[in-house]
Amino acid sequence: MNSRTHTKLVHEGKYAAEVEIEIIDSENGWSPYITVDTSIKLDRVRESLQSGDVIAARKYARKVYELSTVAIRPHL
């Protein structure tokens, strides 16, 4: 098995976070997959962002962003 790191962007509401994950490539021809621990890590970041707890999200994420609208297209 080979593994590689990947930066996953998790977006919830007005927040987004960059999370480093490990992707495992199977030698048997199966699709790449992530471990259960990585899945739990992504879930914790997502839950933290949903509740607005940026400090908790930062424990697992490399960077956390607060998003804002810069332009709105008028309705025609």
PDB file of N, CA and C in Angstrom:
ATOM      1  N   MET A   1       0.828  -1.181   0.000  1.00  0.00           N
ATOM      2  CA  MET A   1       0.000   0.000   0.000  1.00  0.00           C
ATOM      3  C   MET A   1       0.873   1.247   0.000  1.00  0.00           C
ATOM      4  N   ASN A   2       0.485   2.206  -0.793  1.00  0.00           N
ATOM      5  CA  ASN A   2       1.145   3.496  -0.841  1.00  0.00           C
ATOM      6  C   ASN A   2       0.210   4.541  -0.268  1.00  0.00           C
ATOM      7  N   SER A   3       0.778   5.525   0.398  1.00  0.00           N
ATOM      8  CA  SER A   3      -0.062   6.604   0.905  1.00  0.00           C
ATOM      9  C   SER A   3       0.523   7.941   0.476  1.00  0.00           C
ATOM     10  N   ARG A   4      -0.363   8.928   0.405  1.00  0.00           N
ATOM     11  CA  ARG A   4       0.058  10.277   0.040  1.00  0.00           C
ATOM     12  C   ARG A   4      -0.792  11.262   0.828  1.00  0.00           C
ATOM     13  N   THR A   5      -0.252  12.429   1.053  1.00  0.00           N
ATOM     14  CA  THR A   5      -1.008  13.447   1.773  1.00  0.00           C
ATOM     15  C   THR A   5      -1.728  14.345   0.779  1.00  0.00           C
ATOM     16  N   HIS A   6      -2.844  14.863   1.239  1.00  0.00           N
ATOM     17  CA  HIS A   6      -3.696  15.708   0.412  1.00  0.00           C
ATOM     18  C   HIS A   6      -4.325  16.761   1.321  1.00  0.00           C
ATOM     19  N   THR A   7      -4.512  17.947   0.823  1.00  0.00           N
ATOM     20  CA  THR A   7      -5.193  18.991   1.580  1.00  0.00           C
ATOM     21  C   THR A   7      -6.654  19.005   1.175  1.00  0.00           C
ATOM     22  N   LYS A   8      -7.517  18.730   2.137  1.00  0.00           N
ATOM     23  CA  LYS A   8      -8.963  18.695   1.913  1.00  0.00           C
ATOM     24  C   LYS A   8      -9.553  19.998   2.420  1.00  0.00           C
ATOM     25  N   LEU A   9     -10.409  20.636   1.640  1.00  0.00           N
ATOM     26  CA  LEU A   9     -11.076  21.854   2.052  1.00  0.00           C
ATOM     27  C   LEU A   9     -12.462  21.492   2.565  1.00  0.00           C
ATOM     28  N   VAL A  10     -12.708  21.794   3.833  1.00  0.00           N
ATOM     29  CA  VAL A  10     -14.001  21.519   4.461  1.00  0.00           C
ATOM     30  C   VAL A  10     -14.721  22.857   4.595  1.00  0.00           C
ATOM     31  N   HIS A  11     -15.922  22.957   4.028  1.00  0.00           N
ATOM     32  CA  HIS A  11     -16.693  24.205   4.043  1.00  0.00           C
ATOM     33  C   HIS A  11     -18.000  23.988   4.776  1.00  0.00           C
ATOM     34  N   GLU A  12     -18.247  24.813   5.785  1.00  0.00           N
ATOM     35  CA  GLU A  12     -19.506  24.781   6.523  1.00  0.00           C
ATOM     36  C   GLU A  12     -19.917  26.201   6.859  1.00  0.00           C
ATOM     37  N   GLY A  13     -21.078  26.623   6.354  1.00  0.00           N
ATOM     38  CA  GLY A  13     -21.575  27.962   6.652  1.00  0.00           C
ATOM     39  C   GLY A  13     -20.610  29.037   6.209  1.00  0.00           C
ATOM     40  N   LYS A  14     -20.239  29.915   7.138  1.00  0.00           N
ATOM     41  CA  LYS A  14     -19.337  31.015   6.794  1.00  0.00           C
ATOM     42  C   LYS A  14     -17.874  30.684   7.055  1.00  0.00           C
ATOM     43  N   TYR A  15     -17.565  29.408   7.312  1.00  0.00           N
ATOM     44  CA  TYR A  15     -16.191  28.991   7.587  1.00  0.00           C
ATOM     45  C   TYR A  15     -15.716  27.934   6.599  1.00  0.00           C
ATOM     46  N   ALA A  16     -14.405  27.901   6.404  1.00  0.00           N
ATOM     47  CA  ALA A  16     -13.761  26.854   5.616  1.00  0.00           C
ATOM     48  C   ALA A  16     -12.445  26.515   6.309  1.00  0.00           C
ATOM     49  N   ALA A  17     -12.013  25.271   6.187  1.00  0.00           N
ATOM     50  CA  ALA A  17     -10.776  24.840   6.830  1.00  0.00           C
ATOM     51  C   ALA A  17      -9.990  23.938   5.895  1.00  0.00           C
ATOM     52  N   GLU A  18      -8.662  24.106   5.929  1.00  0.00           N
ATOM     53  CA  GLU A  18      -7.754  23.222   5.191  1.00  0.00           C
ATOM     54  C   GLU A  18      -7.299  22.123   6.137  1.00  0.00           C
ATOM     55  N   VAL A  19      -7.584  20.881   5.786  1.00  0.00           N
ATOM     56  CA  VAL A  19      -7.246  19.746   6.637  1.00  0.00           C
ATOM     57  C   VAL A  19      -6.316  18.813   5.861  1.00  0.00           C
ATOM     58  N   GLU A  20      -5.172  18.499   6.459  1.00  0.00           N
ATOM     59  CA  GLU A  20      -4.245  17.551   5.855  1.00  0.00           C
ATOM     60  C   GLU A  20      -4.772  16.135   6.115  1.00  0.00           C
ATOM     61  N   ILE A  21      -4.948  15.362   5.036  1.00  0.00           N
ATOM     62  CA  ILE A  21      -5.412  13.987   5.179  1.00  0.00           C
ATOM     63  C   ILE A  21      -4.438  13.058   4.465  1.00  0.00           C
ATOM     64  N   GLU A  22      -4.513  11.790   4.838  1.00  0.00           N
ATOM     65  CA  GLU A  22      -3.687  10.769   4.192  1.00  0.00           C
ATOM     66  C   GLU A  22      -4.589   9.898   3.328  1.00  0.00           C
ATOM     67  N   ILE A  23      -4.257   9.805   2.058  1.00  0.00           N
ATOM     68  CA  ILE A  23      -5.004   8.967   1.118  1.00  0.00           C
ATOM     69  C   ILE A  23      -4.178   7.720   0.849  1.00  0.00           C
ATOM     70  N   ILE A  24      -4.823   6.576   0.960  1.00  0.00           N
ATOM     71  CA  ILE A  24      -4.146   5.294   0.783  1.00  0.00           C
ATOM     72  C   ILE A  24      -4.531   4.714  -0.573  1.00  0.00           C
ATOM     73  N   ASP A  25      -3.525   4.411  -1.361  1.00  0.00           N
ATOM     74  CA  ASP A  25      -3.726   3.782  -2.667  1.00  0.00           C
ATOM     75  C   ASP A  25      -3.500   2.283  -2.521  1.00  0.00           C
ATOM     76  N   SER A  26      -4.495   1.515  -2.889  1.00  0.00           N
ATOM     77  CA  SER A  26      -4.409   0.071  -2.790  1.00  0.00           C
ATOM     78  C   SER A  26      -3.682  -0.508  -3.996  1.00  0.00           C
ATOM     79  N   GLU A  27      -2.910  -1.528  -3.768  1.00  0.00           N
ATOM     80  CA  GLU A  27      -2.208  -2.208  -4.858  1.00  0.00           C
ATOM     81  C   GLU A  27      -3.110  -3.206  -5.574  1.00  0.00           C
ATOM     82  N   ASN A  28      -4.307  -3.441  -5.027  1.00  0.00           N
ATOM     83  CA  ASN A  28      -5.220  -4.430  -5.589  1.00  0.00           C
ATOM     84  C   ASN A  28      -6.144  -3.864  -6.645  1.00  0.00           C
ATOM     85  N   GLY A  29      -5.969  -2.586  -6.986  1.00  0.00           N
ATOM     86  CA  GLY A  29      -6.836  -1.987  -7.977  1.00  0.00           C
ATOM     87  C   GLY A  29      -8.060  -1.306  -7.404  1.00  0.00           C
ATOM     88  N   TRP A  30      -8.211  -1.320  -6.095  1.00  0.00           N
ATOM     89  CA  TRP A  30      -9.330  -0.633  -5.463  1.00  0.00           C
ATOM     90  C   TRP A  30      -9.104   0.866  -5.547  1.00  0.00           C
ATOM     91  N   SER A  31     -10.178   1.621  -5.410  1.00  0.00           N
ATOM     92  CA  SER A  31     -10.079   3.077  -5.417  1.00  0.00           C
ATOM     93  C   SER A  31      -9.318   3.554  -4.190  1.00  0.00           C
ATOM     94  N   PRO A  32      -8.705   4.728  -4.254  1.00  0.00           N
ATOM     95  CA  PRO A  32      -8.034   5.281  -3.068  1.00  0.00           C
ATOM     96  C   PRO A  32      -9.052   5.473  -1.933  1.00  0.00           C
ATOM     97  N   TYR A  33      -8.579   5.370  -0.697  1.00  0.00           N
ATOM     98  CA  TYR A  33      -9.479   5.503   0.449  1.00  0.00           C
ATOM     99  C   TYR A  33      -8.758   6.195   1.596  1.00  0.00           C
ATOM    100  N   ILE A  34      -9.540   6.587   2.599  1.00  0.00           N
ATOM    101  CA  ILE A  34      -8.983   7.200   3.801  1.00  0.00           C
ATOM    102  C   ILE A  34      -9.261   6.281   4.987  1.00  0.00           C
ATOM    103  N   THR A  35      -8.492   6.464   6.046  1.00  0.00           N
ATOM    104  CA  THR A  35      -8.662   5.629   7.235  1.00  0.00           C
ATOM    105  C   THR A  35      -9.845   6.128   8.065  1.00  0.00           C
ATOM    106  N   VAL A  36     -10.265   5.319   9.013  1.00  0.00           N
ATOM    107  CA  VAL A  36     -11.335   5.698   9.926  1.00  0.00           C
ATOM    108  C   VAL A  36     -10.912   6.912  10.747  1.00  0.00           C
ATOM    109  N   ASP A  37      -9.661   6.963  11.194  1.00  0.00           N
ATOM    110  CA  ASP A  37      -9.165   8.101  11.966  1.00  0.00           C
ATOM    111  C   ASP A  37      -9.240   9.397  11.162  1.00  0.00           C
ATOM    112  N   THR A  38      -8.913   9.329   9.896  1.00  0.00           N
ATOM    113  CA  THR A  38      -9.005  10.510   9.035  1.00  0.00           C
ATOM    114  C   THR A  38     -10.446  10.943   8.865  1.00  0.00           C
ATOM    115  N   SER A  39     -11.343   9.986   8.727  1.00  0.00           N
ATOM    116  CA  SER A  39     -12.761  10.288   8.599  1.00  0.00           C
ATOM    117  C   SER A  39     -13.288  10.975   9.857  1.00  0.00           C
ATOM    118  N   ILE A  40     -12.878  10.487  11.017  1.00  0.00           N
ATOM    119  CA  ILE A  40     -13.279  11.098  12.290  1.00  0.00           C
ATOM    120  C   ILE A  40     -12.728  12.520  12.388  1.00  0.00           C
ATOM    121  N   LYS A  41     -11.491  12.710  11.957  1.00  0.00           N
ATOM    122  CA  LYS A  41     -10.861  14.034  11.965  1.00  0.00           C
ATOM    123  C   LYS A  41     -11.678  15.018  11.116  1.00  0.00           C
ATOM    124  N   LEU A  42     -12.074  14.597   9.912  1.00  0.00           N
ATOM    125  CA  LEU A  42     -12.874  15.448   9.043  1.00  0.00           C
ATOM    126  C   LEU A  42     -14.236  15.755   9.660  1.00  0.00           C
ATOM    127  N   ASP A  43     -14.854  14.767  10.296  1.00  0.00           N
ATOM    128  CA  ASP A  43     -16.142  14.969  10.965  1.00  0.00           C
ATOM    129  C   ASP A  43     -16.021  15.966  12.110  1.00  0.00           C
ATOM    130  N   ARG A  44     -14.946  15.893  12.880  1.00  0.00           N
ATOM    131  CA  ARG A  44     -14.748  16.820  14.004  1.00  0.00           C
ATOM    132  C   ARG A  44     -14.548  18.254  13.502  1.00  0.00           C
ATOM    133  N   VAL A  45     -13.805  18.405  12.432  1.00  0.00           N
ATOM    134  CA  VAL A  45     -13.636  19.739  11.856  1.00  0.00           C
ATOM    135  C   VAL A  45     -14.977  20.267  11.370  1.00  0.00           C
ATOM    136  N   ARG A  46     -15.729  19.443  10.658  1.00  0.00           N
ATOM    137  CA  ARG A  46     -17.030  19.851  10.126  1.00  0.00           C
ATOM    138  C   ARG A  46     -17.987  20.245  11.246  1.00  0.00           C
ATOM    139  N   GLU A  47     -18.051  19.445  12.302  1.00  0.00           N
ATOM    140  CA  GLU A  47     -18.930  19.745  13.434  1.00  0.00           C
ATOM    141  C   GLU A  47     -18.507  21.039  14.138  1.00  0.00           C
ATOM    142  N   SER A  48     -17.212  21.241  14.278  1.00  0.00           N
ATOM    143  CA  SER A  48     -16.709  22.456  14.923  1.00  0.00           C
ATOM    144  C   SER A  48     -17.065  23.698  14.107  1.00  0.00           C
ATOM    145  N   LEU A  49     -16.920  23.604  12.799  1.00  0.00           N
ATOM    146  CA  LEU A  49     -17.262  24.737  11.941  1.00  0.00           C
ATOM    147  C   LEU A  49     -18.757  25.010  11.971  1.00  0.00           C
ATOM    148  N   GLN A  50     -19.572  23.967  12.002  1.00  0.00           N
ATOM    149  CA  GLN A  50     -21.026  24.147  12.054  1.00  0.00           C
ATOM    150  C   GLN A  50     -21.449  24.892  13.317  1.00  0.00           C
ATOM    151  N   SER A  51     -20.787  24.602  14.432  1.00  0.00           N
ATOM    152  CA  SER A  51     -21.138  25.254  15.697  1.00  0.00           C
ATOM    153  C   SER A  51     -20.412  26.585  15.882  1.00  0.00           C
ATOM    154  N   GLY A  52     -19.532  26.945  14.945  1.00  0.00           N
ATOM    155  CA  GLY A  52     -18.805  28.207  15.033  1.00  0.00           C
ATOM    156  C   GLY A  52     -17.614  28.174  15.965  1.00  0.00           C
ATOM    157  N   ASP A  53     -17.196  26.986  16.378  1.00  0.00           N
ATOM    158  CA  ASP A  53     -16.065  26.829  17.297  1.00  0.00           C
ATOM    159  C   ASP A  53     -14.767  26.732  16.491  1.00  0.00           C
ATOM    160  N   VAL A  54     -14.227  27.890  16.143  1.00  0.00           N
ATOM    161  CA  VAL A  54     -13.040  27.959  15.298  1.00  0.00           C
ATOM    162  C   VAL A  54     -11.814  27.394  16.024  1.00  0.00           C
ATOM    163  N   ILE A  55     -11.741  27.593  17.335  1.00  0.00           N
ATOM    164  CA  ILE A  55     -10.594  27.098  18.109  1.00  0.00           C
ATOM    165  C   ILE A  55     -10.541  25.574  18.075  1.00  0.00           C
ATOM    166  N   ALA A  56     -11.683  24.914  18.208  1.00  0.00           N
ATOM    167  CA  ALA A  56     -11.712  23.448  18.142  1.00  0.00           C
ATOM    168  C   ALA A  56     -11.361  22.969  16.731  1.00  0.00           C
ATOM    169  N   ALA A  57     -11.839  23.668  15.711  1.00  0.00           N
ATOM    170  CA  ALA A  57     -11.523  23.292  14.330  1.00  0.00           C
ATOM    171  C   ALA A  57     -10.035  23.439  14.068  1.00  0.00           C
ATOM    172  N   ARG A  58      -9.422  24.427  14.680  1.00  0.00           N
ATOM    173  CA  ARG A  58      -7.996  24.701  14.472  1.00  0.00           C
ATOM    174  C   ARG A  58      -7.112  23.586  15.024  1.00  0.00           C
ATOM    175  N   LYS A  59      -7.618  22.797  15.956  1.00  0.00           N
ATOM    176  CA  LYS A  59      -6.843  21.678  16.507  1.00  0.00           C
ATOM    177  C   LYS A  59      -6.544  20.633  15.430  1.00  0.00           C
ATOM    178  N   TYR A  60      -7.420  20.524  14.442  1.00  0.00           N
ATOM    179  CA  TYR A  60      -7.289  19.504  13.410  1.00  0.00           C
ATOM    180  C   TYR A  60      -6.926  20.075  12.047  1.00  0.00           C
ATOM    181  N   ALA A  61      -7.204  21.354  11.830  1.00  0.00           N
ATOM    182  CA  ALA A  61      -7.008  21.973  10.525  1.00  0.00           C
ATOM    183  C   ALA A  61      -5.705  22.757  10.479  1.00  0.00           C
ATOM    184  N   ARG A  62      -5.145  22.837   9.288  1.00  0.00           N
ATOM    185  CA  ARG A  62      -3.928  23.626   9.093  1.00  0.00           C
ATOM    186  C   ARG A  62      -4.265  25.113   9.110  1.00  0.00           C
ATOM    187  N   LYS A  63      -5.358  25.491   8.441  1.00  0.00           N
ATOM    188  CA  LYS A  63      -5.818  26.871   8.407  1.00  0.00           C
ATOM    189  C   LYS A  63      -7.338  26.880   8.480  1.00  0.00           C
ATOM    190  N   VAL A  64      -7.897  27.916   9.102  1.00  0.00           N
ATOM    191  CA  VAL A  64      -9.343  28.106   9.161  1.00  0.00           C
ATOM    192  C   VAL A  64      -9.634  29.495   8.599  1.00  0.00           C
ATOM    193  N   TYR A  65     -10.617  29.581   7.727  1.00  0.00           N
ATOM    194  CA  TYR A  65     -10.979  30.831   7.082  1.00  0.00           C
ATOM    195  C   TYR A  65     -12.409  31.215   7.451  1.00  0.00           C
ATOM    196  N   GLU A  66     -12.638  32.523   7.563  1.00  0.00           N
ATOM    197  CA  GLU A  66     -13.995  33.040   7.688  1.00  0.00           C
ATOM    198  C   GLU A  66     -14.340  33.658   6.342  1.00  0.00           C
ATOM    199  N   LEU A  67     -15.423  33.221   5.739  1.00  0.00           N
ATOM    200  CA  LEU A  67     -15.797  33.657   4.403  1.00  0.00           C
ATOM    201  C   LEU A  67     -16.766  34.829   4.469  1.00  0.00           C
ATOM    202  N   SER A  68     -16.684  35.705   3.497  1.00  0.00           N
ATOM    203  CA  SER A  68     -17.633  36.817   3.412  1.00  0.00           C
ATOM    204  C   SER A  68     -17.998  37.047   1.956  1.00  0.00           C
ATOM    205  N   THR A  69     -19.180  37.579   1.736  1.00  0.00           N
ATOM    206  CA  THR A  69     -19.667  37.883   0.393  1.00  0.00           C
ATOM    207  C   THR A  69     -19.046  39.202  -0.049  1.00  0.00           C
ATOM    208  N   VAL A  70     -18.522  39.238  -1.260  1.00  0.00           N
ATOM    209  CA  VAL A  70     -17.930  40.472  -1.769  1.00  0.00           C
ATOM    210  C   VAL A  70     -18.782  41.121  -2.855  1.00  0.00           C
ATOM    211  N   ALA A  71     -19.650  40.367  -3.480  1.00  0.00           N
ATOM    212  CA  ALA A  71     -20.526  40.940  -4.500  1.00  0.00           C
ATOM    213  C   ALA A  71     -21.762  40.067  -4.646  1.00  0.00           C
ATOM    214  N   ILE A  72     -22.863  40.717  -4.925  1.00  0.00           N
ATOM    215  CA  ILE A  72     -24.112  40.001  -5.167  1.00  0.00           C
ATOM    216  C   ILE A  72     -24.638  40.455  -6.519  1.00  0.00           C
ATOM    217  N   ARG A  73     -24.977  39.494  -7.334  1.00  0.00           N
ATOM    218  CA  ARG A  73     -25.520  39.812  -8.652  1.00  0.00           C
ATOM    219  C   ARG A  73     -26.979  40.228  -8.475  1.00  0.00           C
ATOM    220  N   PRO A  74     -27.376  41.356  -9.048  1.00  0.00           N
ATOM    221  CA  PRO A  74     -28.786  41.803  -8.895  1.00  0.00           C
ATOM    222  C   PRO A  74     -29.733  40.861  -9.627  1.00  0.00           C
ATOM    223  N   HIS A  75     -30.930  40.744  -9.074  1.00  0.00           N
ATOM    224  CA  HIS A  75     -31.956  39.911  -9.722  1.00  0.00           C
ATOM    225  C   HIS A  75     -32.459  40.621 -10.970  1.00  0.00           C
ATOM    226  N   LEU A  76     -32.618  39.878 -12.015  1.00  0.00           N
ATOM    227  CA  LEU A  76     -33.095  40.447 -13.280  1.00  0.00           C
ATOM    228  C   LEU A  76     -34.549  40.178 -13.480  1.00  0.00           C
TER     229      LEU A  76
END
